[in-house]
Amino acid sequence: MARIKLGLVGLNFGLHILKKHLLEGPGQPYFQVAGVCSQDQQQTIEVAGFAGVRAYSDIDEMLADTDVRAIGLFSGPVGRAELIRQAIRAGKDVITTKPFELDPDAALDVLEEARQLKRIVHLNSPTPLLSEDLRQIIEWHQAFDLGRPVGCRAEVWANYRERADGSWYDDPMRCPVAPVFRLGIYVINDLVRLFGPASKVQVLQSRIFTGRPTPDNAQLTVLFANGAIATVFASFCVGDGDPYRNSLTLNYERGSIYRDPGPLADRQRPGWCELALVTKANAQQRVERTRVASFTGEYQWKVFFAAITGAPLPEQTAPEHVVHGLKIIQAMHRAERSGTTETV
């Protein structure tokens, strides 16, 4: 199997992707890094030397290289749609990261253009194909006739003590309600897949430990169009030894589903999570448990490779699913500034 040559754009978070996903890790069997570029030319030269790849002066030079078939775009989210548009018009396929964009209209426009041009645009949340945990939740919902969704409590946290560095993380206009925008976006995209579009949002936030001007502790409440209510607690402040918490309690009219990464000591490897279903039928309570290995938010490198090479795939995430999550973020941004409930 010949690997696809990929150019990497954006080297702050992109450096992590390079080291952990492409030089080794899940993307390495499918993609060969052809070169790197960023706005910091010195950084570009240093990273290119470390990786033994070409240093491009800018994205235009990379897009002009006919050997580069795909782009890994890991710059900040604001204005990302325009960079994707440049890439797909240059005949490149794109893999990028969450949050996809701050502007849902720009996001929808570029995703529709990619579909028309028959170019591939994938990201890690929402994933192009359903992750195993979401697939199991949907299967249980249908198989056990759980009925209408009623509510959700979601928790996502990490233990960061960040300092201001002048990046987009410091700018409340580019990074609204920072813990939710940076961490809670995974849960928001999951809930859109499970509950559908939202109608209203509320926000509470605080700064506890962070040295950034943006918050490090926040809660988002979402009212969905079907009447379900969800709370998303996202924080960089919790230091309980869990490197990355991402749990859900989902309530339906005839049962509940719990997603939990599981106790630290019981995890076989990163990515595993535990699912439990509790429901009642004929006066008997039923409990189902399973452990799945494919967790929401993973970069589906094998799927990206298959899509580029024309392999048959199940139905992939529609642009509308991506945009529904971004509309929640847009309303959250307004709620942060207004201090009131905002319509999605």
C-alpha atoms as a PDB file:
ATOM      1  CA  MET A   1       0.000   0.000   0.000  1.00  0.00           C
ATOM      2  CA  ALA A   2       1.516   3.293  -1.121  1.00  0.00           C
ATOM      3  CA  ARG A   3       1.234   6.035   1.475  1.00  0.00           C
ATOM      4  CA  ILE A   4      -0.302   9.377   0.486  1.00  0.00           C
ATOM      5  CA  LYS A   5       1.938  12.445   0.680  1.00  0.00           C
ATOM      6  CA  LEU A   6       0.513  14.995   3.105  1.00  0.00           C
ATOM      7  CA  GLY A   7       1.498  18.596   3.815  1.00  0.00           C
ATOM      8  CA  LEU A   8       1.091  19.815   7.404  1.00  0.00           C
ATOM      9  CA  VAL A   9      -0.106  23.399   7.990  1.00  0.00           C
ATOM     10  CA  GLY A  10       0.017  24.976  11.463  1.00  0.00           C
ATOM     11  CA  LEU A  11       2.728  23.843  13.867  1.00  0.00           C
ATOM     12  CA  ASN A  12       1.524  24.701  17.344  1.00  0.00           C
ATOM     13  CA  PHE A  13      -1.032  21.910  17.748  1.00  0.00           C
ATOM     14  CA  GLY A  14       0.207  20.521  14.434  1.00  0.00           C
ATOM     15  CA  LEU A  15       3.529  19.565  16.030  1.00  0.00           C
ATOM     16  CA  HIS A  16       1.643  17.201  18.354  1.00  0.00           C
ATOM     17  CA  ILE A  17      -0.137  15.680  15.342  1.00  0.00           C
ATOM     18  CA  LEU A  18       3.196  15.292  13.548  1.00  0.00           C
ATOM     19  CA  LYS A  19       4.877  13.509  16.455  1.00  0.00           C
ATOM     20  CA  LYS A  20       2.004  11.397  17.771  1.00  0.00           C
ATOM     21  CA  HIS A  21       0.007  10.624  14.629  1.00  0.00           C
ATOM     22  CA  LEU A  22       2.152  10.908  11.487  1.00  0.00           C
ATOM     23  CA  LEU A  23       5.828  10.196  12.159  1.00  0.00           C
ATOM     24  CA  GLU A  24       4.543   7.284  14.214  1.00  0.00           C
ATOM     25  CA  GLY A  25       1.104   6.350  15.456  1.00  0.00           C
ATOM     26  CA  PRO A  26      -2.236   5.769  13.716  1.00  0.00           C
ATOM     27  CA  GLY A  27      -1.651   7.940  10.650  1.00  0.00           C
ATOM     28  CA  GLN A  28       1.844   6.708   9.808  1.00  0.00           C
ATOM     29  CA  PRO A  29       0.800   3.579   7.836  1.00  0.00           C
ATOM     30  CA  TYR A  30      -1.363   5.702   5.528  1.00  0.00           C
ATOM     31  CA  PHE A  31       0.358   9.086   5.141  1.00  0.00           C
ATOM     32  CA  GLN A  32       3.885  10.292   4.460  1.00  0.00           C
ATOM     33  CA  VAL A  33       4.611  13.838   5.598  1.00  0.00           C
ATOM     34  CA  ALA A  34       5.944  15.703   2.572  1.00  0.00           C
ATOM     35  CA  GLY A  35       6.547  19.007   4.315  1.00  0.00           C
ATOM     36  CA  VAL A  36       5.379  21.576   6.840  1.00  0.00           C
ATOM     37  CA  CYS A  37       4.551  25.267   6.984  1.00  0.00           C
ATOM     38  CA  SER A  38       3.359  27.849   9.504  1.00  0.00           C
ATOM     39  CA  GLN A  39       3.215  31.617   9.903  1.00  0.00           C
ATOM     40  CA  ASP A  40       6.471  31.419  11.891  1.00  0.00           C
ATOM     41  CA  GLN A  41       9.148  30.660   9.303  1.00  0.00           C
ATOM     42  CA  GLN A  42      11.799  29.896  11.926  1.00  0.00           C
ATOM     43  CA  GLN A  43       9.466  27.382  13.532  1.00  0.00           C
ATOM     44  CA  THR A  44       8.790  25.864  10.106  1.00  0.00           C
ATOM     45  CA  ILE A  45      12.515  25.414   9.439  1.00  0.00           C
ATOM     46  CA  GLU A  46      13.146  23.891  12.870  1.00  0.00           C
ATOM     47  CA  VAL A  47      10.256  21.418  12.660  1.00  0.00           C
ATOM     48  CA  ALA A  48      11.137  20.475   9.078  1.00  0.00           C
ATOM     49  CA  GLY A  49      14.690  19.731  10.199  1.00  0.00           C
ATOM     50  CA  PHE A  50      13.465  17.643  13.104  1.00  0.00           C
ATOM     51  CA  ALA A  51      11.132  15.616  10.868  1.00  0.00           C
ATOM     52  CA  GLY A  52      13.453  15.432   7.878  1.00  0.00           C
ATOM     53  CA  VAL A  53      10.897  16.974   5.527  1.00  0.00           C
ATOM     54  CA  ARG A  54      10.595  20.059   3.339  1.00  0.00           C
ATOM     55  CA  ALA A  55       9.979  23.503   4.848  1.00  0.00           C
ATOM     56  CA  TYR A  56       7.467  25.412   2.704  1.00  0.00           C
ATOM     57  CA  SER A  57       7.547  29.195   2.848  1.00  0.00           C
ATOM     58  CA  ASP A  58       3.735  29.403   2.973  1.00  0.00           C
ATOM     59  CA  ILE A  59       0.569  27.468   2.205  1.00  0.00           C
ATOM     60  CA  ASP A  60       0.489  28.723  -1.404  1.00  0.00           C
ATOM     61  CA  GLU A  61       3.851  27.092  -2.109  1.00  0.00           C
ATOM     62  CA  MET A  62       2.621  23.846  -0.534  1.00  0.00           C
ATOM     63  CA  LEU A  63      -0.623  23.858  -2.522  1.00  0.00           C
ATOM     64  CA  ALA A  64       1.320  24.399  -5.739  1.00  0.00           C
ATOM     65  CA  ASP A  65       3.332  21.214  -5.133  1.00  0.00           C
ATOM     66  CA  THR A  66       1.730  18.484  -7.244  1.00  0.00           C
ATOM     67  CA  ASP A  67       3.369  15.762  -5.119  1.00  0.00           C
ATOM     68  CA  VAL A  68       1.286  16.852  -2.113  1.00  0.00           C
ATOM     69  CA  ARG A  69      -2.064  15.104  -2.383  1.00  0.00           C
ATOM     70  CA  ALA A  70      -3.590  15.946   1.003  1.00  0.00           C
ATOM     71  CA  ILE A  71      -3.353  18.712   3.595  1.00  0.00           C
ATOM     72  CA  GLY A  72      -3.398  18.359   7.366  1.00  0.00           C
ATOM     73  CA  LEU A  73      -4.708  21.744   8.508  1.00  0.00           C
ATOM     74  CA  PHE A  74      -4.082  22.493  12.191  1.00  0.00           C
ATOM     75  CA  SER A  75      -4.203  26.285  12.338  1.00  0.00           C
ATOM     76  CA  GLY A  76      -6.729  28.116  14.537  1.00  0.00           C
ATOM     77  CA  PRO A  77     -10.444  27.791  13.736  1.00  0.00           C
ATOM     78  CA  VAL A  78     -11.196  31.406  12.800  1.00  0.00           C
ATOM     79  CA  GLY A  79     -10.885  31.726   9.027  1.00  0.00           C
ATOM     80  CA  ARG A  80     -10.190  28.028   8.566  1.00  0.00           C
ATOM     81  CA  ALA A  81     -12.958  27.682   5.986  1.00  0.00           C
ATOM     82  CA  GLU A  82     -11.092  29.991   3.611  1.00  0.00           C
ATOM     83  CA  LEU A  83      -7.871  27.967   3.966  1.00  0.00           C
ATOM     84  CA  ILE A  84      -9.832  24.796   3.227  1.00  0.00           C
ATOM     85  CA  ARG A  85     -11.347  26.496   0.179  1.00  0.00           C
ATOM     86  CA  GLN A  86      -7.847  27.285  -1.117  1.00  0.00           C
ATOM     87  CA  ALA A  87      -6.814  23.661  -0.596  1.00  0.00           C
ATOM     88  CA  ILE A  88      -9.808  22.011  -2.275  1.00  0.00           C
ATOM     89  CA  ARG A  89      -9.629  24.410  -5.231  1.00  0.00           C
ATOM     90  CA  ALA A  90      -5.978  23.381  -5.603  1.00  0.00           C
ATOM     91  CA  GLY A  91      -7.144  19.755  -5.856  1.00  0.00           C
ATOM     92  CA  LYS A  92      -6.132  18.708  -2.336  1.00  0.00           C
ATOM     93  CA  ASP A  93      -8.110  16.708   0.204  1.00  0.00           C
ATOM     94  CA  VAL A  94      -8.097  18.004   3.795  1.00  0.00           C
ATOM     95  CA  ILE A  95      -8.082  16.617   7.306  1.00  0.00           C
ATOM     96  CA  THR A  96      -8.458  19.138  10.105  1.00  0.00           C
ATOM     97  CA  THR A  97      -9.439  19.435  13.736  1.00  0.00           C
ATOM     98  CA  LYS A  98     -12.172  20.723  15.990  1.00  0.00           C
ATOM     99  CA  PRO A  99     -13.569  23.346  16.352  1.00  0.00           C
ATOM    100  CA  PHE A 100     -14.065  23.379  12.585  1.00  0.00           C
ATOM    101  CA  GLU A 101     -14.887  27.096  12.274  1.00  0.00           C
ATOM    102  CA  LEU A 102     -16.383  29.914  14.329  1.00  0.00           C
ATOM    103  CA  ASP A 103     -18.659  30.985  11.458  1.00  0.00           C
ATOM    104  CA  PRO A 104     -21.271  28.283  10.661  1.00  0.00           C
ATOM    105  CA  ASP A 105     -22.241  29.901   7.345  1.00  0.00           C
ATOM    106  CA  ALA A 106     -18.625  29.872   6.145  1.00  0.00           C
ATOM    107  CA  ALA A 107     -18.331  26.253   7.287  1.00  0.00           C
ATOM    108  CA  LEU A 108     -21.419  25.144   5.374  1.00  0.00           C
ATOM    109  CA  ASP A 109     -20.341  27.012   2.233  1.00  0.00           C
ATOM    110  CA  VAL A 110     -16.934  25.352   2.076  1.00  0.00           C
ATOM    111  CA  LEU A 111     -18.282  21.886   2.891  1.00  0.00           C
ATOM    112  CA  GLU A 112     -20.866  22.215   0.130  1.00  0.00           C
ATOM    113  CA  GLU A 113     -18.164  23.361  -2.279  1.00  0.00           C
ATOM    114  CA  ALA A 114     -16.003  20.384  -1.314  1.00  0.00           C
ATOM    115  CA  ARG A 115     -18.925  18.065  -2.058  1.00  0.00           C
ATOM    116  CA  GLN A 116     -19.417  19.685  -5.468  1.00  0.00           C
ATOM    117  CA  LEU A 117     -15.709  19.421  -6.258  1.00  0.00           C
ATOM    118  CA  LYS A 118     -15.646  15.801  -5.001  1.00  0.00           C
ATOM    119  CA  ARG A 119     -12.927  16.671  -2.523  1.00  0.00           C
ATOM    120  CA  ILE A 120     -12.653  15.055   0.915  1.00  0.00           C
ATOM    121  CA  VAL A 121     -12.799  17.201   4.077  1.00  0.00           C
ATOM    122  CA  HIS A 122     -12.590  15.249   7.372  1.00  0.00           C
ATOM    123  CA  LEU A 123     -12.189  16.318  10.980  1.00  0.00           C
ATOM    124  CA  ASN A 124     -12.002  14.582  14.342  1.00  0.00           C
ATOM    125  CA  SER A 125     -15.255  15.960  15.773  1.00  0.00           C
ATOM    126  CA  PRO A 126     -17.714  15.141  14.444  1.00  0.00           C
ATOM    127  CA  THR A 127     -15.870  12.173  12.970  1.00  0.00           C
ATOM    128  CA  PRO A 128     -16.573  11.236   9.336  1.00  0.00           C
ATOM    129  CA  LEU A 129     -17.915   7.829  10.417  1.00  0.00           C
ATOM    130  CA  LEU A 130     -19.726   7.193  13.675  1.00  0.00           C
ATOM    131  CA  SER A 131     -17.341   6.184  16.447  1.00  0.00           C
ATOM    132  CA  GLU A 132     -18.045   2.861  18.111  1.00  0.00           C
ATOM    133  CA  ASP A 133     -19.387   4.440  21.296  1.00  0.00           C
ATOM    134  CA  LEU A 134     -21.965   6.577  19.460  1.00  0.00           C
ATOM    135  CA  ARG A 135     -22.929   3.666  17.233  1.00  0.00           C
ATOM    136  CA  GLN A 136     -23.603   1.517  20.308  1.00  0.00           C
ATOM    137  CA  ILE A 137     -25.659   4.268  21.965  1.00  0.00           C
ATOM    138  CA  ILE A 138     -27.804   4.647  18.845  1.00  0.00           C
ATOM    139  CA  GLU A 139     -28.236   0.861  18.558  1.00  0.00           C
ATOM    140  CA  TRP A 140     -29.370   0.588  22.187  1.00  0.00           C
ATOM    141  CA  HIS A 141     -31.760   3.505  21.756  1.00  0.00           C
ATOM    142  CA  GLN A 142     -33.429   1.732  18.863  1.00  0.00           C
ATOM    143  CA  ALA A 143     -33.225  -1.893  20.073  1.00  0.00           C
ATOM    144  CA  PHE A 144     -34.651  -1.178  23.530  1.00  0.00           C
ATOM    145  CA  ASP A 145     -37.213   1.383  22.359  1.00  0.00           C
ATOM    146  CA  LEU A 146     -35.983   4.014  24.820  1.00  0.00           C
ATOM    147  CA  GLY A 147     -38.229   6.691  23.350  1.00  0.00           C
ATOM    148  CA  ARG A 148     -37.720  10.436  23.318  1.00  0.00           C
ATOM    149  CA  PRO A 149     -34.551  12.005  24.688  1.00  0.00           C
ATOM    150  CA  VAL A 150     -35.151  13.892  27.930  1.00  0.00           C
ATOM    151  CA  GLY A 151     -31.776  15.191  29.089  1.00  0.00           C
ATOM    152  CA  CYS A 152     -28.019  14.848  29.409  1.00  0.00           C
ATOM    153  CA  ARG A 153     -25.237  15.723  31.826  1.00  0.00           C
ATOM    154  CA  ALA A 154     -21.826  15.831  30.193  1.00  0.00           C
ATOM    155  CA  GLU A 155     -18.426  16.291  31.821  1.00  0.00           C
ATOM    156  CA  VAL A 156     -15.143  16.984  30.091  1.00  0.00           C
ATOM    157  CA  TRP A 157     -12.020  18.150  31.879  1.00  0.00           C
ATOM    158  CA  ALA A 158      -8.239  18.245  31.941  1.00  0.00           C
ATOM    159  CA  ASN A 159      -5.747  19.702  34.412  1.00  0.00           C
ATOM    160  CA  TYR A 160      -4.086  22.714  32.733  1.00  0.00           C
ATOM    161  CA  ARG A 161      -2.414  25.701  34.352  1.00  0.00           C
ATOM    162  CA  GLU A 162      -1.868  27.815  31.268  1.00  0.00           C
ATOM    163  CA  ARG A 163      -0.194  31.187  30.833  1.00  0.00           C
ATOM    164  CA  ALA A 164      -1.016  33.856  28.271  1.00  0.00           C
ATOM    165  CA  ASP A 165       1.025  33.387  25.092  1.00  0.00           C
ATOM    166  CA  GLY A 166      -0.658  35.676  22.561  1.00  0.00           C
ATOM    167  CA  SER A 167      -2.294  32.775  20.707  1.00  0.00           C
ATOM    168  CA  TRP A 168      -5.955  32.566  19.710  1.00  0.00           C
ATOM    169  CA  TYR A 169      -6.568  30.799  23.031  1.00  0.00           C
ATOM    170  CA  ASP A 170      -6.154  34.220  24.703  1.00  0.00           C
ATOM    171  CA  ASP A 171      -8.754  36.008  22.582  1.00  0.00           C
ATOM    172  CA  PRO A 172     -12.385  35.735  23.766  1.00  0.00           C
ATOM    173  CA  MET A 173     -13.566  36.750  20.287  1.00  0.00           C
ATOM    174  CA  ARG A 174     -11.704  33.844  18.684  1.00  0.00           C
ATOM    175  CA  CYS A 175     -12.020  31.441  21.632  1.00  0.00           C
ATOM    176  CA  PRO A 176     -15.453  31.990  23.217  1.00  0.00           C
ATOM    177  CA  VAL A 177     -16.140  30.236  26.551  1.00  0.00           C
ATOM    178  CA  ALA A 178     -12.720  28.643  26.163  1.00  0.00           C
ATOM    179  CA  PRO A 179     -13.185  25.333  28.048  1.00  0.00           C
ATOM    180  CA  VAL A 180     -16.361  24.555  26.077  1.00  0.00           C
ATOM    181  CA  PHE A 181     -14.921  25.748  22.763  1.00  0.00           C
ATOM    182  CA  ARG A 182     -11.708  23.767  23.191  1.00  0.00           C
ATOM    183  CA  LEU A 183     -12.921  20.672  25.100  1.00  0.00           C
ATOM    184  CA  GLY A 184     -16.710  20.675  25.252  1.00  0.00           C
ATOM    185  CA  ILE A 185     -17.027  20.887  21.472  1.00  0.00           C
ATOM    186  CA  TYR A 186     -16.627  17.074  21.380  1.00  0.00           C
ATOM    187  CA  VAL A 187     -19.685  16.642  23.585  1.00  0.00           C
ATOM    188  CA  ILE A 188     -21.672  19.250  21.661  1.00  0.00           C
ATOM    189  CA  ASN A 189     -21.051  17.388  18.407  1.00  0.00           C
ATOM    190  CA  ASP A 190     -21.988  14.079  20.048  1.00  0.00           C
ATOM    191  CA  LEU A 191     -25.252  15.544  21.344  1.00  0.00           C
ATOM    192  CA  VAL A 192     -26.145  16.924  17.922  1.00  0.00           C
ATOM    193  CA  ARG A 193     -25.799  13.383  16.544  1.00  0.00           C
ATOM    194  CA  LEU A 194     -27.952  11.984  19.361  1.00  0.00           C
ATOM    195  CA  PHE A 195     -30.479  14.767  20.067  1.00  0.00           C
ATOM    196  CA  GLY A 196     -30.598  16.801  16.849  1.00  0.00           C
ATOM    197  CA  PRO A 197     -30.524  20.595  16.444  1.00  0.00           C
ATOM    198  CA  ALA A 198     -30.698  22.989  19.409  1.00  0.00           C
ATOM    199  CA  SER A 199     -32.947  25.990  20.017  1.00  0.00           C
ATOM    200  CA  LYS A 200     -31.501  27.921  23.027  1.00  0.00           C
ATOM    201  CA  VAL A 201     -28.330  28.151  25.148  1.00  0.00           C
ATOM    202  CA  GLN A 202     -27.148  29.632  28.458  1.00  0.00           C
ATOM    203  CA  VAL A 203     -23.582  30.080  29.766  1.00  0.00           C
ATOM    204  CA  LEU A 204     -21.787  30.374  33.117  1.00  0.00           C
ATOM    205  CA  GLN A 205     -18.004  30.678  33.328  1.00  0.00           C
ATOM    206  CA  SER A 206     -15.142  31.622  35.650  1.00  0.00           C
ATOM    207  CA  ARG A 207     -11.377  32.066  35.807  1.00  0.00           C
ATOM    208  CA  ILE A 208      -9.837  30.078  38.663  1.00  0.00           C
ATOM    209  CA  PHE A 209      -6.244  29.128  37.889  1.00  0.00           C
ATOM    210  CA  THR A 210      -5.595  30.283  34.353  1.00  0.00           C
ATOM    211  CA  GLY A 211      -3.130  32.982  33.435  1.00  0.00           C
ATOM    212  CA  ARG A 212      -5.017  33.547  30.203  1.00  0.00           C
ATOM    213  CA  PRO A 213      -7.638  36.301  29.849  1.00  0.00           C
ATOM    214  CA  THR A 214     -10.144  33.629  28.738  1.00  0.00           C
ATOM    215  CA  PRO A 215     -11.944  31.416  31.312  1.00  0.00           C
ATOM    216  CA  ASP A 216     -10.803  27.977  32.457  1.00  0.00           C
ATOM    217  CA  ASN A 217     -14.042  26.756  34.050  1.00  0.00           C
ATOM    218  CA  ALA A 218     -17.460  26.833  32.369  1.00  0.00           C
ATOM    219  CA  GLN A 219     -20.883  25.297  31.974  1.00  0.00           C
ATOM    220  CA  LEU A 220     -23.130  25.416  28.929  1.00  0.00           C
ATOM    221  CA  THR A 221     -26.834  24.571  29.061  1.00  0.00           C
ATOM    222  CA  VAL A 222     -28.534  23.636  25.798  1.00  0.00           C
ATOM    223  CA  LEU A 223     -32.254  23.318  25.085  1.00  0.00           C
ATOM    224  CA  PHE A 224     -32.762  21.104  22.046  1.00  0.00           C
ATOM    225  CA  ALA A 225     -35.600  21.525  19.570  1.00  0.00           C
ATOM    226  CA  ASN A 226     -37.129  18.209  20.726  1.00  0.00           C
ATOM    227  CA  GLY A 227     -37.378  19.467  24.333  1.00  0.00           C
ATOM    228  CA  ALA A 228     -34.323  17.663  25.760  1.00  0.00           C
ATOM    229  CA  ILE A 229     -32.057  19.713  28.052  1.00  0.00           C
ATOM    230  CA  ALA A 230     -28.299  19.132  28.332  1.00  0.00           C
ATOM    231  CA  THR A 231     -25.593  20.610  30.535  1.00  0.00           C
ATOM    232  CA  VAL A 232     -21.967  20.517  29.440  1.00  0.00           C
ATOM    233  CA  PHE A 233     -19.422  21.115  32.215  1.00  0.00           C
ATOM    234  CA  ALA A 234     -15.958  21.777  30.767  1.00  0.00           C
ATOM    235  CA  SER A 235     -12.904  22.699  32.799  1.00  0.00           C
ATOM    236  CA  PHE A 236      -9.134  22.984  32.768  1.00  0.00           C
ATOM    237  CA  CYS A 237      -9.115  23.070  36.592  1.00  0.00           C
ATOM    238  CA  VAL A 238      -9.858  19.530  37.812  1.00  0.00           C
ATOM    239  CA  GLY A 239      -6.745  17.688  38.974  1.00  0.00           C
ATOM    240  CA  ASP A 240      -8.018  14.247  39.980  1.00  0.00           C
ATOM    241  CA  GLY A 241      -5.413  12.221  38.084  1.00  0.00           C
ATOM    242  CA  ASP A 242      -7.657  11.672  35.068  1.00  0.00           C
ATOM    243  CA  PRO A 243      -5.737  13.142  32.108  1.00  0.00           C
ATOM    244  CA  TYR A 244      -8.873  13.644  30.045  1.00  0.00           C
ATOM    245  CA  ARG A 245     -12.391  13.112  31.310  1.00  0.00           C
ATOM    246  CA  ASN A 246     -15.204  12.749  28.769  1.00  0.00           C
ATOM    247  CA  SER A 247     -18.406  11.273  30.171  1.00  0.00           C
ATOM    248  CA  LEU A 248     -22.122  11.377  29.356  1.00  0.00           C
ATOM    249  CA  THR A 249     -25.326  10.561  31.195  1.00  0.00           C
ATOM    250  CA  LEU A 250     -28.132  10.303  28.647  1.00  0.00           C
ATOM    251  CA  ASN A 251     -31.740  10.110  29.820  1.00  0.00           C
ATOM    252  CA  TYR A 252     -34.607   8.890  27.644  1.00  0.00           C
ATOM    253  CA  GLU A 253     -38.256   8.415  28.515  1.00  0.00           C
ATOM    254  CA  ARG A 254     -37.768   4.669  29.024  1.00  0.00           C
ATOM    255  CA  GLY A 255     -34.153   4.313  30.126  1.00  0.00           C
ATOM    256  CA  SER A 256     -30.714   5.830  30.597  1.00  0.00           C
ATOM    257  CA  ILE A 257     -27.310   5.316  28.969  1.00  0.00           C
ATOM    258  CA  TYR A 258     -23.999   6.102  30.656  1.00  0.00           C
ATOM    259  CA  ARG A 259     -20.687   6.660  28.853  1.00  0.00           C
ATOM    260  CA  ASP A 260     -17.630   6.690  31.057  1.00  0.00           C
ATOM    261  CA  PRO A 261     -13.906   6.314  30.347  1.00  0.00           C
ATOM    262  CA  GLY A 262     -13.852   3.927  33.318  1.00  0.00           C
ATOM    263  CA  PRO A 263     -11.535   3.857  36.348  1.00  0.00           C
ATOM    264  CA  LEU A 264      -7.960   4.769  35.496  1.00  0.00           C
ATOM    265  CA  ALA A 265      -6.631   1.469  36.821  1.00  0.00           C
ATOM    266  CA  ASP A 266      -9.009  -0.538  34.609  1.00  0.00           C
ATOM    267  CA  ARG A 267      -8.287   1.124  31.271  1.00  0.00           C
ATOM    268  CA  GLN A 268      -6.504  -1.240  28.941  1.00  0.00           C
ATOM    269  CA  ARG A 269      -5.305   1.562  26.679  1.00  0.00           C
ATOM    270  CA  PRO A 270      -6.269   5.135  25.774  1.00  0.00           C
ATOM    271  CA  GLY A 271      -9.454   5.301  23.738  1.00  0.00           C
ATOM    272  CA  TRP A 272     -11.392   2.636  25.619  1.00  0.00           C
ATOM    273  CA  CYS A 273     -14.633   3.614  27.299  1.00  0.00           C
ATOM    274  CA  GLU A 274     -17.418   1.831  29.135  1.00  0.00           C
ATOM    275  CA  LEU A 275     -21.094   2.022  28.227  1.00  0.00           C
ATOM    276  CA  ALA A 276     -24.012   1.000  30.393  1.00  0.00           C
ATOM    277  CA  LEU A 277     -27.733   0.850  29.610  1.00  0.00           C
ATOM    278  CA  VAL A 278     -30.378   0.816  32.346  1.00  0.00           C
ATOM    279  CA  THR A 279     -34.011   0.289  31.360  1.00  0.00           C
ATOM    280  CA  LYS A 280     -37.170  -1.302  32.716  1.00  0.00           C
ATOM    281  CA  ALA A 281     -39.660  -3.604  31.014  1.00  0.00           C
ATOM    282  CA  ASN A 282     -42.449  -5.740  32.512  1.00  0.00           C
ATOM    283  CA  ALA A 283     -41.474  -4.664  36.043  1.00  0.00           C
ATOM    284  CA  GLN A 284     -37.954  -6.011  35.442  1.00  0.00           C
ATOM    285  CA  GLN A 285     -34.955  -3.702  35.376  1.00  0.00           C
ATOM    286  CA  ARG A 286     -32.458  -4.555  32.664  1.00  0.00           C
ATOM    287  CA  VAL A 287     -28.790  -3.559  32.664  1.00  0.00           C
ATOM    288  CA  GLU A 288     -26.488  -3.937  29.676  1.00  0.00           C
ATOM    289  CA  ARG A 289     -22.751  -3.207  29.808  1.00  0.00           C
ATOM    290  CA  THR A 290     -20.059  -3.154  27.166  1.00  0.00           C
ATOM    291  CA  ARG A 291     -16.619  -1.724  26.540  1.00  0.00           C
ATOM    292  CA  VAL A 292     -15.747  -0.159  23.191  1.00  0.00           C
ATOM    293  CA  ALA A 293     -12.384   0.770  21.722  1.00  0.00           C
ATOM    294  CA  SER A 294     -13.324   3.516  19.272  1.00  0.00           C
ATOM    295  CA  PHE A 295     -13.958   6.722  21.166  1.00  0.00           C
ATOM    296  CA  THR A 296     -15.484   9.915  19.853  1.00  0.00           C
ATOM    297  CA  GLY A 297     -12.951  12.573  18.816  1.00  0.00           C
ATOM    298  CA  GLU A 298     -10.355  10.278  17.277  1.00  0.00           C
ATOM    299  CA  TYR A 299      -8.714  11.189  13.970  1.00  0.00           C
ATOM    300  CA  GLN A 300      -9.896   8.516  11.539  1.00  0.00           C
ATOM    301  CA  TRP A 301      -6.734   8.336   9.426  1.00  0.00           C
ATOM    302  CA  LYS A 302      -7.639   5.002   7.857  1.00  0.00           C
ATOM    303  CA  VAL A 303     -11.044   6.370   6.845  1.00  0.00           C
ATOM    304  CA  PHE A 304      -9.436   9.516   5.388  1.00  0.00           C
ATOM    305  CA  PHE A 305      -7.058   7.343   3.342  1.00  0.00           C
ATOM    306  CA  ALA A 306      -9.937   5.138   2.160  1.00  0.00           C
ATOM    307  CA  ALA A 307     -12.032   8.154   1.136  1.00  0.00           C
ATOM    308  CA  ILE A 308      -9.154   9.656  -0.875  1.00  0.00           C
ATOM    309  CA  THR A 309      -8.404   6.364  -2.641  1.00  0.00           C
ATOM    310  CA  GLY A 310     -12.065   5.773  -3.506  1.00  0.00           C
ATOM    311  CA  ALA A 311     -12.738   2.794  -1.258  1.00  0.00           C
ATOM    312  CA  PRO A 312     -16.449   2.222  -0.483  1.00  0.00           C
ATOM    313  CA  LEU A 313     -17.477   3.671   2.886  1.00  0.00           C
ATOM    314  CA  PRO A 314     -20.712   3.753   4.901  1.00  0.00           C
ATOM    315  CA  GLU A 315     -22.659   6.996   4.945  1.00  0.00           C
ATOM    316  CA  GLN A 316     -20.414   9.778   6.202  1.00  0.00           C
ATOM    317  CA  THR A 317     -21.239  12.741   8.415  1.00  0.00           C
ATOM    318  CA  ALA A 318     -23.273  15.325   6.513  1.00  0.00           C
ATOM    319  CA  PRO A 319     -22.211  18.988   6.467  1.00  0.00           C
ATOM    320  CA  GLU A 320     -25.422  19.834   8.331  1.00  0.00           C
ATOM    321  CA  HIS A 321     -24.274  17.837  11.370  1.00  0.00           C
ATOM    322  CA  VAL A 322     -21.043  19.839  11.493  1.00  0.00           C
ATOM    323  CA  VAL A 323     -22.921  23.118  11.180  1.00  0.00           C
ATOM    324  CA  HIS A 324     -25.547  22.330  13.864  1.00  0.00           C
ATOM    325  CA  GLY A 325     -22.725  22.106  16.417  1.00  0.00           C
ATOM    326  CA  LEU A 326     -21.202  25.364  15.198  1.00  0.00           C
ATOM    327  CA  LYS A 327     -24.558  27.120  15.520  1.00  0.00           C
ATOM    328  CA  ILE A 328     -24.593  26.159  19.200  1.00  0.00           C
ATOM    329  CA  ILE A 329     -21.092  27.624  19.535  1.00  0.00           C
ATOM    330  CA  GLN A 330     -22.168  30.817  17.769  1.00  0.00           C
ATOM    331  CA  ALA A 331     -25.139  31.222  20.137  1.00  0.00           C
ATOM    332  CA  MET A 332     -22.863  30.417  23.091  1.00  0.00           C
ATOM    333  CA  HIS A 333     -20.561  33.244  21.971  1.00  0.00           C
ATOM    334  CA  ARG A 334     -23.490  35.661  22.034  1.00  0.00           C
ATOM    335  CA  ALA A 335     -24.629  34.370  25.440  1.00  0.00           C
ATOM    336  CA  GLU A 336     -21.134  34.900  26.860  1.00  0.00           C
ATOM    337  CA  ARG A 337     -21.321  38.577  25.931  1.00  0.00           C
ATOM    338  CA  SER A 338     -24.988  39.210  26.724  1.00  0.00           C
ATOM    339  CA  GLY A 339     -25.266  37.184  29.949  1.00  0.00           C
ATOM    340  CA  THR A 340     -28.704  36.011  28.848  1.00  0.00           C
ATOM    341  CA  THR A 341     -30.321  33.064  27.122  1.00  0.00           C
ATOM    342  CA  GLU A 342     -29.646  33.164  23.386  1.00  0.00           C
ATOM    343  CA  THR A 343     -31.533  31.552  20.514  1.00  0.00           C
ATOM    344  CA  VAL A 344     -29.561  29.174  18.299  1.00  0.00           C
END
